[in-house]
Amino acid sequence: EWNTERIQNAIKVTPFQLGLTNQLYKCELEKDKMELDEKKFDELNMEVMVRVFGEGSEEMLNREEEIHIMQQVNEDYVKCRFNNGIVVTFFPGECLRPRALTD
C-alpha cells in the first residue's frame, strides 16, 4: 500500500541536527493528507528514522557490529539497509547531551 502516489505525497520528512557524523531524517505520514479513518491510519503509519552514514564514520566504528547489536536488542528495529545508511524504527525521546551524562 505504500507504493501509491497518494501515500508518497503524504510522507513528511523532518531533518534532525543531532548526529555527530550521520544525517538523520524522521519520516512519517501526515494524517491531514490521508483520507483514512483513525484505525486504518494507525495501522498504516510507521514513523522511521533514516540514518545516512557520515563520510569516514566507518573508521570510527564497525557498522556491521552496530547493526548486529541493534537487532539483538529488538529484531524489528532495523527496517532496511542501503549502501550508506539504514532505516530504523523511530522512538520519540530526548537526545542525551554530554552535560547530562555528568550530572
N, C-alpha and C. Protein backbone atom coordinates (compact mmCIF):
# COMPACT_ATOMS: atom_id res chain seq x y z
N GLU A 1 0.80 -1.20 0.00
CA GLU A 1 0.00 0.00 0.00
C GLU A 1 0.84 1.27 0.00
N TRP A 2 2.13 1.16 0.37
CA TRP A 2 2.97 2.35 0.42
C TRP A 2 3.37 2.83 -0.96
N ASN A 3 3.28 1.97 -1.95
CA ASN A 3 3.74 2.33 -3.28
C ASN A 3 2.62 2.96 -4.10
N THR A 4 1.99 3.96 -3.56
CA THR A 4 0.96 4.71 -4.28
C THR A 4 1.31 6.19 -4.21
N GLU A 5 0.87 6.93 -5.20
CA GLU A 5 1.17 8.36 -5.24
C GLU A 5 0.55 9.09 -4.05
N ARG A 6 -0.64 8.68 -3.65
CA ARG A 6 -1.31 9.33 -2.52
C ARG A 6 -0.47 9.20 -1.25
N ILE A 7 0.05 8.01 -1.01
CA ILE A 7 0.86 7.80 0.20
C ILE A 7 2.19 8.52 0.07
N GLN A 8 2.82 8.43 -1.09
CA GLN A 8 4.11 9.09 -1.27
C GLN A 8 4.00 10.60 -1.08
N ASN A 9 2.88 11.18 -1.48
CA ASN A 9 2.67 12.62 -1.30
C ASN A 9 2.36 12.99 0.15
N ALA A 10 2.03 12.00 0.97
CA ALA A 10 1.69 12.26 2.37
C ALA A 10 2.87 12.04 3.31
N ILE A 11 4.02 11.65 2.78
CA ILE A 11 5.18 11.40 3.64
C ILE A 11 5.82 12.73 4.04
N LYS A 12 5.94 12.91 5.33
CA LYS A 12 6.58 14.12 5.87
C LYS A 12 8.00 13.75 6.30
N VAL A 13 8.98 14.52 5.85
CA VAL A 13 10.39 14.29 6.18
C VAL A 13 10.87 15.45 7.03
N THR A 14 11.37 15.13 8.22
CA THR A 14 11.87 16.15 9.15
C THR A 14 13.35 15.90 9.41
N PRO A 15 14.24 16.81 8.99
CA PRO A 15 15.66 16.62 9.28
C PRO A 15 15.96 16.89 10.75
N PHE A 16 16.90 16.13 11.30
CA PHE A 16 17.36 16.32 12.67
C PHE A 16 18.81 16.79 12.63
N GLN A 17 19.17 17.65 13.55
CA GLN A 17 20.52 18.20 13.62
C GLN A 17 21.29 17.61 14.80
N LEU A 18 21.01 16.36 15.17
CA LEU A 18 21.59 15.79 16.38
C LEU A 18 22.79 14.88 16.12
N GLY A 19 22.95 14.39 14.92
CA GLY A 19 24.01 13.42 14.66
C GLY A 19 25.39 14.04 14.63
N LEU A 20 26.36 13.30 15.15
CA LEU A 20 27.74 13.78 15.09
C LEU A 20 28.30 13.61 13.69
N THR A 21 28.04 12.47 13.07
CA THR A 21 28.54 12.20 11.72
C THR A 21 27.42 11.86 10.75
N ASN A 22 26.30 11.34 11.25
CA ASN A 22 25.20 10.92 10.39
C ASN A 22 24.28 12.07 10.04
N GLN A 23 23.61 11.94 8.90
CA GLN A 23 22.48 12.80 8.59
C GLN A 23 21.25 12.02 9.00
N LEU A 24 20.35 12.65 9.75
CA LEU A 24 19.18 11.96 10.31
C LEU A 24 17.90 12.61 9.81
N TYR A 25 16.94 11.76 9.41
CA TYR A 25 15.65 12.25 8.92
C TYR A 25 14.54 11.39 9.49
N LYS A 26 13.57 12.03 10.13
CA LYS A 26 12.38 11.33 10.59
C LYS A 26 11.37 11.35 9.45
N CYS A 27 10.78 10.20 9.14
CA CYS A 27 9.77 10.10 8.08
C CYS A 27 8.50 9.52 8.68
N GLU A 28 7.38 10.16 8.34
CA GLU A 28 6.08 9.72 8.84
C GLU A 28 5.00 10.18 7.86
N LEU A 29 3.82 9.62 8.00
CA LEU A 29 2.70 10.05 7.17
C LEU A 29 2.01 11.25 7.83
N GLU A 30 1.60 12.21 7.02
CA GLU A 30 0.83 13.34 7.52
C GLU A 30 -0.65 12.98 7.49
N LYS A 31 -1.22 12.94 8.66
CA LYS A 31 -2.61 12.50 8.80
C LYS A 31 -3.59 13.33 7.98
N ASP A 32 -3.39 14.65 7.94
CA ASP A 32 -4.34 15.51 7.23
C ASP A 32 -4.29 15.33 5.71
N LYS A 33 -3.24 14.69 5.20
CA LYS A 33 -3.15 14.43 3.75
C LYS A 33 -3.69 13.05 3.38
N MET A 34 -4.08 12.30 4.38
CA MET A 34 -4.61 10.95 4.14
C MET A 34 -6.12 10.98 4.30
N GLU A 35 -6.80 10.24 3.50
CA GLU A 35 -8.26 10.14 3.61
C GLU A 35 -8.60 8.77 4.19
N LEU A 36 -8.20 8.59 5.44
CA LEU A 36 -8.39 7.31 6.11
C LEU A 36 -9.02 7.54 7.47
N ASP A 37 -9.76 6.55 7.94
CA ASP A 37 -10.26 6.65 9.30
C ASP A 37 -9.09 6.43 10.27
N GLU A 38 -9.32 6.76 11.51
CA GLU A 38 -8.26 6.71 12.55
C GLU A 38 -7.60 5.34 12.64
N LYS A 39 -8.39 4.29 12.65
CA LYS A 39 -7.86 2.93 12.79
C LYS A 39 -6.97 2.56 11.61
N LYS A 40 -7.42 2.81 10.40
CA LYS A 40 -6.64 2.48 9.21
C LYS A 40 -5.35 3.29 9.16
N PHE A 41 -5.43 4.58 9.53
CA PHE A 41 -4.23 5.42 9.55
C PHE A 41 -3.21 4.86 10.54
N ASP A 42 -3.66 4.50 11.73
CA ASP A 42 -2.76 3.95 12.75
C ASP A 42 -2.11 2.64 12.28
N GLU A 43 -2.85 1.82 11.54
CA GLU A 43 -2.31 0.58 11.01
C GLU A 43 -1.24 0.85 9.95
N LEU A 44 -1.46 1.88 9.15
CA LEU A 44 -0.59 2.17 8.02
C LEU A 44 0.63 3.00 8.41
N ASN A 45 0.47 3.90 9.36
CA ASN A 45 1.54 4.82 9.70
C ASN A 45 2.68 4.11 10.44
N MET A 46 3.88 4.43 10.04
CA MET A 46 5.08 3.90 10.69
C MET A 46 6.11 5.02 10.71
N GLU A 47 6.47 5.50 11.87
CA GLU A 47 7.49 6.52 11.97
C GLU A 47 8.85 5.84 11.94
N VAL A 48 9.70 6.32 11.04
CA VAL A 48 11.04 5.74 10.92
C VAL A 48 12.08 6.85 10.92
N MET A 49 13.30 6.47 11.23
CA MET A 49 14.44 7.37 11.17
C MET A 49 15.38 6.85 10.08
N VAL A 50 15.65 7.70 9.11
CA VAL A 50 16.62 7.36 8.07
C VAL A 50 17.96 7.91 8.52
N ARG A 51 18.94 7.03 8.62
CA ARG A 51 20.30 7.44 9.02
C ARG A 51 21.21 7.29 7.82
N VAL A 52 21.71 8.39 7.32
CA VAL A 52 22.69 8.37 6.24
C VAL A 52 24.05 8.52 6.91
N PHE A 53 24.88 7.49 6.79
CA PHE A 53 26.16 7.48 7.48
C PHE A 53 27.08 8.58 6.96
N GLY A 54 27.77 9.24 7.89
CA GLY A 54 28.71 10.30 7.53
C GLY A 54 29.96 9.73 6.88
N GLU A 55 30.55 10.53 6.02
CA GLU A 55 31.76 10.12 5.32
C GLU A 55 32.88 9.81 6.32
N GLY A 56 33.46 8.64 6.18
CA GLY A 56 34.57 8.23 7.04
C GLY A 56 34.15 7.72 8.41
N SER A 57 32.85 7.71 8.71
CA SER A 57 32.41 7.28 10.04
C SER A 57 32.66 5.80 10.29
N GLU A 58 32.77 5.02 9.21
CA GLU A 58 33.05 3.58 9.39
C GLU A 58 34.45 3.35 9.96
N GLU A 59 35.30 4.37 9.92
CA GLU A 59 36.63 4.26 10.52
C GLU A 59 36.56 4.38 12.04
N MET A 60 35.48 5.01 12.55
CA MET A 60 35.32 5.19 13.99
C MET A 60 34.61 4.01 14.63
N LEU A 61 33.75 3.32 13.87
CA LEU A 61 33.02 2.19 14.44
C LEU A 61 32.70 1.17 13.37
N ASN A 62 32.45 -0.03 13.82
CA ASN A 62 32.13 -1.15 12.94
C ASN A 62 30.62 -1.16 12.70
N ARG A 63 30.19 -0.78 11.50
CA ARG A 63 28.75 -0.68 11.19
C ARG A 63 28.06 -2.03 11.29
N GLU A 64 28.72 -3.09 10.86
CA GLU A 64 28.11 -4.42 10.94
C GLU A 64 27.83 -4.81 12.39
N GLU A 65 28.77 -4.52 13.26
CA GLU A 65 28.60 -4.82 14.68
C GLU A 65 27.51 -3.95 15.29
N GLU A 66 27.48 -2.68 14.91
CA GLU A 66 26.45 -1.76 15.40
C GLU A 66 25.05 -2.28 15.03
N ILE A 67 24.87 -2.68 13.79
CA ILE A 67 23.57 -3.18 13.33
C ILE A 67 23.24 -4.51 14.01
N HIS A 68 24.22 -5.34 14.19
CA HIS A 68 24.00 -6.62 14.89
C HIS A 68 23.49 -6.37 16.32
N ILE A 69 24.10 -5.43 17.02
CA ILE A 69 23.66 -5.10 18.38
C ILE A 69 22.24 -4.55 18.37
N MET A 70 21.93 -3.68 17.42
CA MET A 70 20.56 -3.15 17.31
C MET A 70 19.55 -4.27 17.14
N GLN A 71 19.89 -5.25 16.31
CA GLN A 71 18.97 -6.36 16.06
C GLN A 71 18.87 -7.30 17.25
N GLN A 72 19.91 -7.37 18.06
CA GLN A 72 19.86 -8.18 19.28
C GLN A 72 18.91 -7.56 20.30
N VAL A 73 18.91 -6.24 20.39
CA VAL A 73 18.05 -5.53 21.32
C VAL A 73 16.59 -5.64 20.89
N ASN A 74 16.35 -5.44 19.58
CA ASN A 74 14.99 -5.52 19.04
C ASN A 74 15.10 -5.95 17.59
N GLU A 75 14.68 -7.17 17.28
CA GLU A 75 14.88 -7.71 15.93
C GLU A 75 14.14 -6.92 14.85
N ASP A 76 13.10 -6.17 15.22
CA ASP A 76 12.35 -5.38 14.24
C ASP A 76 12.81 -3.93 14.15
N TYR A 77 13.83 -3.55 14.90
CA TYR A 77 14.28 -2.16 14.94
C TYR A 77 14.82 -1.70 13.58
N VAL A 78 15.68 -2.51 12.97
CA VAL A 78 16.25 -2.16 11.67
C VAL A 78 15.25 -2.58 10.59
N LYS A 79 14.71 -1.60 9.87
CA LYS A 79 13.71 -1.87 8.84
C LYS A 79 14.36 -2.25 7.52
N CYS A 80 15.44 -1.56 7.14
CA CYS A 80 16.17 -1.90 5.93
C CYS A 80 17.53 -1.23 5.95
N ARG A 81 18.38 -1.71 5.06
CA ARG A 81 19.73 -1.17 4.93
C ARG A 81 19.94 -0.75 3.49
N PHE A 82 20.78 0.26 3.29
CA PHE A 82 21.20 0.64 1.95
C PHE A 82 22.68 0.95 2.00
N ASN A 83 23.30 1.23 0.85
CA ASN A 83 24.76 1.33 0.78
C ASN A 83 25.39 2.19 1.86
N ASN A 84 24.85 3.36 2.12
CA ASN A 84 25.48 4.24 3.09
C ASN A 84 24.54 4.65 4.22
N GLY A 85 23.68 3.70 4.64
CA GLY A 85 22.79 4.02 5.74
C GLY A 85 21.81 2.93 6.07
N ILE A 86 20.92 3.26 7.00
CA ILE A 86 19.89 2.32 7.43
C ILE A 86 18.60 3.08 7.72
N VAL A 87 17.51 2.33 7.76
CA VAL A 87 16.21 2.86 8.19
C VAL A 87 15.82 2.08 9.43
N VAL A 88 15.54 2.80 10.51
CA VAL A 88 15.22 2.16 11.79
C VAL A 88 13.89 2.70 12.33
N THR A 89 13.30 1.97 13.25
CA THR A 89 12.10 2.43 13.92
C THR A 89 12.40 3.72 14.68
N PHE A 90 11.50 4.69 14.61
CA PHE A 90 11.67 5.94 15.34
C PHE A 90 11.03 5.80 16.71
N PHE A 91 11.79 6.13 17.75
CA PHE A 91 11.28 6.17 19.11
C PHE A 91 11.42 7.60 19.61
N PRO A 92 10.31 8.27 19.94
CA PRO A 92 10.41 9.64 20.43
C PRO A 92 11.14 9.69 21.77
N GLY A 93 11.84 10.76 21.98
CA GLY A 93 12.56 10.94 23.23
C GLY A 93 13.46 12.15 23.13
N GLU A 94 14.36 12.27 24.07
CA GLU A 94 15.30 13.38 24.07
C GLU A 94 16.71 12.84 23.89
N CYS A 95 17.51 13.59 23.16
CA CYS A 95 18.90 13.23 22.94
C CYS A 95 19.71 13.60 24.18
N LEU A 96 20.52 12.68 24.65
CA LEU A 96 21.38 12.99 25.79
C LEU A 96 22.55 13.86 25.35
N ARG A 97 22.77 14.90 26.06
CA ARG A 97 23.91 15.79 25.82
C ARG A 97 25.02 15.40 26.78
N PRO A 98 26.27 15.69 26.44
CA PRO A 98 27.38 15.31 27.34
C PRO A 98 27.20 15.79 28.77
N ARG A 99 26.66 16.99 28.95
CA ARG A 99 26.48 17.51 30.31
C ARG A 99 25.52 16.64 31.11
N ALA A 100 24.49 16.12 30.47
CA ALA A 100 23.52 15.26 31.16
C ALA A 100 24.16 13.98 31.66
N LEU A 101 25.20 13.54 31.00
CA LEU A 101 25.87 12.31 31.40
C LEU A 101 26.75 12.51 32.64
N THR A 102 27.13 13.75 32.93
CA THR A 102 27.99 14.03 34.07
C THR A 102 27.18 14.41 35.31
N ASP A 103 25.91 14.76 35.14
CA ASP A 103 25.08 15.16 36.28
C ASP A 103 24.62 13.97 37.08
